[in-house]
Amino acid sequence: MKLWDKGFSTDKKIDHFTVGIDRELDLLLAKYDVIASKAHAKMLGKIGLLTNEETKALVNELNAIAKTIQNGTFAIEDTFEDMHSKIEFILTEKLGDTGKKIHTARSRNDQVLVAMHLYLKNELSEIKTQTKTLFDLLLNLAETHKAILLPGYTHLQIAMPSSFGLWFSAYAESLIDDLYFINAAYKVADQNPMGSAAGYGSSFPIDRSFTTQEMGFETLKYNVVAAQMGRGKVEKATAFGMASIAATLSKWPWISACT
């Protein structure tokens, strides 16, 4: 099932060129699309667009899909355009018309946005954790080697005396600066864009505050146009933060040789 199918076939070469490895990449985001879909279903139930029975049925089936994603059996065949169409197909296959209702009051535009925001929040949190682990290691090494001296060089000439401890702590402190950028990227990602739909919101009385809380976002992206204009911004902020850490790491290949 392809949601944009217009009733005529597309040359396989064109399909391969336009889709590329999108389905493989979507496997990384599918978990988060399910999380967002569960929040959306509960919100639709809260505002009365779904019955309690329909809401429970959708959430149960989405939980079942989440398990297949977790155990690695979830797949997006080439007959499907992306994760959204595959997940909706499963819901419709299992629940009939109730499965189709999951798409009420939303667009794939905000589905992609919210899945990416949730994914990057998780990845940025992991990067912060690993960077903190490295920071602690460097401080320990700085303490251990603070009395081991080495010459400091300025313009290839020996200048003031230095120590291994000084250099280890220098890299540790540099990582703090890098984490400022990571935290900034996280703050950008920690805004819920769901509800912006195709760019102009929804005529349904959706409760964006509910989905924001349900998905664990700190706040929502209030202006629906701003939410869509943010496409690429959170990715760029994340890439910048990662590049900052990489720049710090690129300056210390000698440390591994010295330790």
Protein backbone atom coordinates (compact mmCIF):
# COMPACT_ATOMS: atom_id res chain seq x y z
CA MET A 1 0.00 0.00 0.00
CA LYS A 2 1.39 3.38 -1.03
CA LEU A 3 -0.52 6.36 0.29
CA TRP A 4 0.37 8.49 -2.71
CA ASP A 5 -0.65 5.87 -5.29
CA LYS A 6 -2.45 7.64 -8.15
CA GLY A 7 -3.58 4.48 -9.90
CA PHE A 8 -0.76 4.13 -12.42
CA SER A 9 2.52 2.24 -12.23
CA THR A 10 5.93 3.84 -11.78
CA ASP A 11 9.09 2.60 -13.43
CA LYS A 12 11.10 0.57 -10.92
CA LYS A 13 14.21 2.65 -11.59
CA ILE A 14 12.35 5.85 -10.72
CA ASP A 15 10.88 4.24 -7.62
CA HIS A 16 14.32 3.07 -6.50
CA PHE A 17 15.84 6.51 -7.16
CA THR A 18 13.18 8.44 -5.23
CA VAL A 19 12.85 5.98 -2.35
CA GLY A 20 16.47 4.86 -2.07
CA ILE A 21 17.10 3.30 1.35
CA ASP A 22 14.25 5.18 3.02
CA ARG A 23 12.61 1.94 4.15
CA GLU A 24 15.80 0.84 5.90
CA LEU A 25 16.10 4.19 7.64
CA ASP A 26 12.42 4.06 8.59
CA LEU A 27 13.12 0.90 10.57
CA LEU A 28 15.09 3.13 12.97
CA LEU A 29 12.15 5.51 13.30
CA ALA A 30 9.30 2.98 13.39
CA LYS A 31 9.49 2.61 17.17
CA TYR A 32 8.91 6.33 17.57
CA ASP A 33 6.11 6.44 15.02
CA VAL A 34 4.34 3.84 17.15
CA ILE A 35 4.90 5.90 20.31
CA ALA A 36 3.42 8.94 18.58
CA SER A 37 0.53 6.92 17.17
CA LYS A 38 -0.37 5.62 20.63
CA ALA A 39 -0.40 9.15 22.00
CA HIS A 40 -2.49 10.29 19.05
CA ALA A 41 -5.01 7.46 19.50
CA LYS A 42 -5.40 8.25 23.19
CA MET A 43 -5.88 11.93 22.36
CA LEU A 44 -8.55 11.09 19.75
CA GLY A 45 -10.32 9.06 22.42
CA LYS A 46 -10.02 11.90 24.93
CA ILE A 47 -11.70 14.41 22.62
CA GLY A 48 -14.43 11.95 21.60
CA LEU A 49 -13.39 11.13 18.03
CA LEU A 50 -12.78 7.52 19.05
CA THR A 51 -14.79 5.36 21.42
CA ASN A 52 -13.10 3.81 24.44
CA GLU A 53 -13.23 0.43 22.71
CA GLU A 54 -11.63 1.81 19.54
CA THR A 55 -8.90 3.55 21.53
CA LYS A 56 -8.06 0.40 23.48
CA ALA A 57 -8.04 -1.70 20.31
CA LEU A 58 -5.67 0.70 18.55
CA VAL A 59 -3.33 0.96 21.53
CA ASN A 60 -3.24 -2.83 21.92
CA GLU A 61 -2.40 -3.37 18.26
CA LEU A 62 0.24 -0.62 18.37
CA ASN A 63 1.78 -2.34 21.39
CA ALA A 64 1.88 -5.57 19.38
CA ILE A 65 3.61 -3.76 16.51
CA ALA A 66 6.09 -2.26 18.99
CA LYS A 67 7.03 -5.79 20.10
CA THR A 68 7.77 -6.84 16.52
CA ILE A 69 9.96 -3.77 16.12
CA GLN A 70 11.79 -4.60 19.34
CA ASN A 71 12.43 -8.23 18.40
CA GLY A 72 13.48 -7.35 14.86
CA THR A 73 10.64 -9.04 12.96
CA PHE A 74 9.00 -5.82 11.76
CA ALA A 75 9.69 -5.24 8.07
CA ILE A 76 8.73 -2.65 5.45
CA GLU A 77 8.34 -4.50 2.16
CA ASP A 78 8.86 -2.66 -1.10
CA THR A 79 5.11 -2.75 -1.70
CA PHE A 80 4.85 -0.15 1.06
CA GLU A 81 5.98 3.41 0.72
CA ASP A 82 7.23 3.85 4.26
CA MET A 83 6.72 2.91 7.92
CA HIS A 84 3.53 4.96 8.14
CA SER A 85 1.77 3.06 5.38
CA LYS A 86 2.97 -0.29 6.77
CA ILE A 87 1.77 0.46 10.29
CA GLU A 88 -1.59 1.74 9.04
CA PHE A 89 -1.93 -1.35 6.87
CA ILE A 90 -1.41 -3.63 9.88
CA LEU A 91 -3.92 -1.65 11.95
CA THR A 92 -6.51 -1.76 9.17
CA GLU A 93 -5.88 -5.44 8.53
CA LYS A 94 -6.40 -6.21 12.23
CA LEU A 95 -9.15 -3.73 13.09
CA GLY A 96 -10.89 -2.83 9.84
CA ASP A 97 -12.28 0.71 9.70
CA THR A 98 -11.07 1.39 13.23
CA GLY A 99 -7.52 0.99 11.99
CA LYS A 100 -8.08 3.68 9.37
CA LYS A 101 -9.16 6.16 12.04
CA ILE A 102 -5.61 6.45 13.36
CA HIS A 103 -4.92 8.91 10.56
CA THR A 104 -7.68 11.27 11.69
CA ALA A 105 -6.46 14.84 12.32
CA ARG A 106 -2.86 14.24 11.34
CA SER A 107 -0.58 14.18 8.33
CA ARG A 108 2.53 12.26 7.44
CA ASN A 109 4.29 15.61 7.64
CA ASP A 110 3.88 15.86 11.39
CA GLN A 111 4.28 12.09 11.76
CA VAL A 112 7.77 12.35 10.27
CA LEU A 113 8.58 15.39 12.39
CA VAL A 114 7.50 13.90 15.69
CA ALA A 115 9.22 10.57 15.01
CA MET A 116 12.45 12.40 14.21
CA HIS A 117 12.18 14.56 17.33
CA LEU A 118 11.59 11.53 19.55
CA TYR A 119 14.43 9.60 17.89
CA LEU A 120 16.92 12.45 18.25
CA LYS A 121 15.91 13.06 21.87
CA ASN A 122 16.80 9.46 22.62
CA GLU A 123 20.06 9.57 20.66
CA LEU A 124 21.12 12.88 22.18
CA SER A 125 20.46 11.52 25.66
CA GLU A 126 22.71 8.56 24.87
CA ILE A 127 25.42 10.86 23.53
CA LYS A 128 25.24 12.93 26.72
CA THR A 129 25.54 9.80 28.86
CA GLN A 130 28.55 8.50 26.94
CA THR A 131 30.21 11.92 26.94
CA LYS A 132 29.75 12.15 30.73
CA THR A 133 31.39 8.72 31.07
CA LEU A 134 34.35 9.93 29.02
CA PHE A 135 34.48 13.16 31.02
CA ASP A 136 34.73 11.22 34.30
CA LEU A 137 37.44 8.97 32.86
CA LEU A 138 39.50 11.95 31.75
CA LEU A 139 39.25 13.60 35.16
CA ASN A 140 40.39 10.38 36.82
CA LEU A 141 43.33 10.15 34.43
CA ALA A 142 44.13 13.82 35.10
CA GLU A 143 44.35 13.11 38.83
CA THR A 144 46.38 9.95 38.30
CA HIS A 145 48.93 11.60 35.98
CA LYS A 146 49.04 15.12 37.40
CA ALA A 147 52.63 14.68 38.55
CA ILE A 148 53.92 13.17 35.31
CA LEU A 149 55.62 16.05 33.55
CA LEU A 150 56.16 16.72 29.87
CA PRO A 151 57.41 19.79 28.05
CA GLY A 152 54.94 22.32 26.74
CA TYR A 153 55.64 23.53 23.22
CA THR A 154 54.93 26.89 21.59
CA HIS A 155 55.66 27.23 17.88
CA LEU A 156 57.67 23.97 18.00
CA GLN A 157 59.88 25.33 20.77
CA ILE A 158 59.95 24.06 24.35
CA ALA A 159 58.18 26.58 26.55
CA MET A 160 56.61 26.12 29.99
CA PRO A 161 56.55 22.70 31.68
CA SER A 162 53.30 20.81 31.41
CA SER A 163 51.86 17.51 32.66
CA PHE A 164 49.76 14.66 31.41
CA GLY A 165 47.17 15.56 34.04
CA LEU A 166 46.86 19.09 32.65
CA TRP A 167 46.14 17.76 29.19
CA PHE A 168 43.67 15.12 30.33
CA SER A 169 41.69 17.73 32.24
CA ALA A 170 41.86 20.08 29.25
CA TYR A 171 40.02 17.59 27.08
CA ALA A 172 37.54 16.96 29.89
CA GLU A 173 36.72 20.66 30.13
CA SER A 174 36.49 20.96 26.37
CA LEU A 175 33.77 18.30 26.44
CA ILE A 176 31.73 20.58 28.68
CA ASP A 177 31.64 23.15 25.87
CA ASP A 178 30.60 20.41 23.46
CA LEU A 179 27.74 19.41 25.75
CA TYR A 180 26.40 22.95 25.62
CA PHE A 181 25.77 22.37 21.91
CA ILE A 182 24.29 18.91 22.56
CA ASN A 183 21.97 20.38 25.20
CA ALA A 184 20.91 23.09 22.76
CA ALA A 185 20.08 20.45 20.15
CA TYR A 186 18.14 18.49 22.77
CA LYS A 187 16.14 21.60 23.66
CA VAL A 188 15.20 22.05 20.00
CA ALA A 189 14.20 18.38 19.75
CA ASP A 190 12.21 18.55 23.00
CA GLN A 191 9.33 20.43 21.34
CA ASN A 192 6.31 18.48 20.16
CA PRO A 193 5.50 19.27 16.50
CA MET A 194 2.60 16.81 16.27
CA GLY A 195 -0.65 18.54 15.47
CA SER A 196 0.85 20.82 12.85
CA ALA A 197 -0.51 18.34 10.27
CA ALA A 198 0.42 19.32 6.72
CA GLY A 199 1.53 22.72 7.91
CA TYR A 200 -1.63 24.56 8.91
CA GLY A 201 -2.95 22.57 11.85
CA SER A 202 -6.25 20.70 12.02
CA SER A 203 -9.90 21.70 12.04
CA PHE A 204 -10.54 18.96 14.60
CA PRO A 205 -10.46 20.00 18.29
CA ILE A 206 -7.17 18.19 18.97
CA ASP A 207 -5.46 18.44 22.34
CA ARG A 208 -1.79 19.11 21.65
CA SER A 209 -0.98 19.63 25.31
CA PHE A 210 -2.16 16.07 26.00
CA THR A 211 0.05 14.51 23.32
CA THR A 212 2.98 16.67 24.46
CA GLN A 213 2.72 15.27 27.97
CA GLU A 214 1.95 11.74 26.77
CA MET A 215 5.11 11.57 24.67
CA GLY A 216 7.33 13.17 27.30
CA PHE A 217 8.07 16.45 25.52
CA GLU A 218 8.92 19.46 27.67
CA THR A 219 6.77 21.74 25.53
CA LEU A 220 5.08 21.90 22.15
CA LYS A 221 5.92 23.79 19.00
CA TYR A 222 3.08 26.28 19.25
CA ASN A 223 2.98 27.73 15.75
CA VAL A 224 2.08 25.04 13.22
CA VAL A 225 3.93 26.77 10.38
CA ALA A 226 7.02 27.14 12.58
CA ALA A 227 6.83 23.41 13.29
CA GLN A 228 7.05 22.62 9.58
CA MET A 229 9.70 25.28 9.01
CA GLY A 230 11.78 23.43 11.61
CA ARG A 231 12.30 20.47 9.29
CA GLY A 232 16.05 20.08 9.04
CA LYS A 233 16.75 22.46 11.94
CA VAL A 234 16.79 19.82 14.66
CA GLU A 235 18.93 17.57 12.47
CA LYS A 236 21.36 20.43 11.82
CA ALA A 237 21.55 21.30 15.52
CA THR A 238 22.26 17.64 16.34
CA ALA A 239 24.92 17.39 13.65
CA PHE A 240 26.57 20.56 14.94
CA GLY A 241 26.70 19.19 18.49
CA MET A 242 28.16 15.89 17.30
CA ALA A 243 30.70 17.74 15.15
CA SER A 244 31.79 19.73 18.19
CA ILE A 245 32.49 16.53 20.13
CA ALA A 246 34.24 15.04 17.11
CA ALA A 247 36.45 18.12 16.85
CA THR A 248 37.53 17.66 20.47
CA LEU A 249 38.23 13.97 19.96
CA SER A 250 40.20 14.64 16.77
CA LYS A 251 42.79 16.61 18.75
CA TRP A 252 43.88 13.84 21.08
CA PRO A 253 45.17 10.79 19.15
CA TRP A 254 48.44 11.02 21.06
CA ILE A 255 46.70 10.29 24.38
CA SER A 256 45.98 6.66 23.49
CA ALA A 257 49.63 6.15 22.64
CA CYS A 258 50.72 7.72 25.93
CA THR A 259 48.40 5.61 28.08
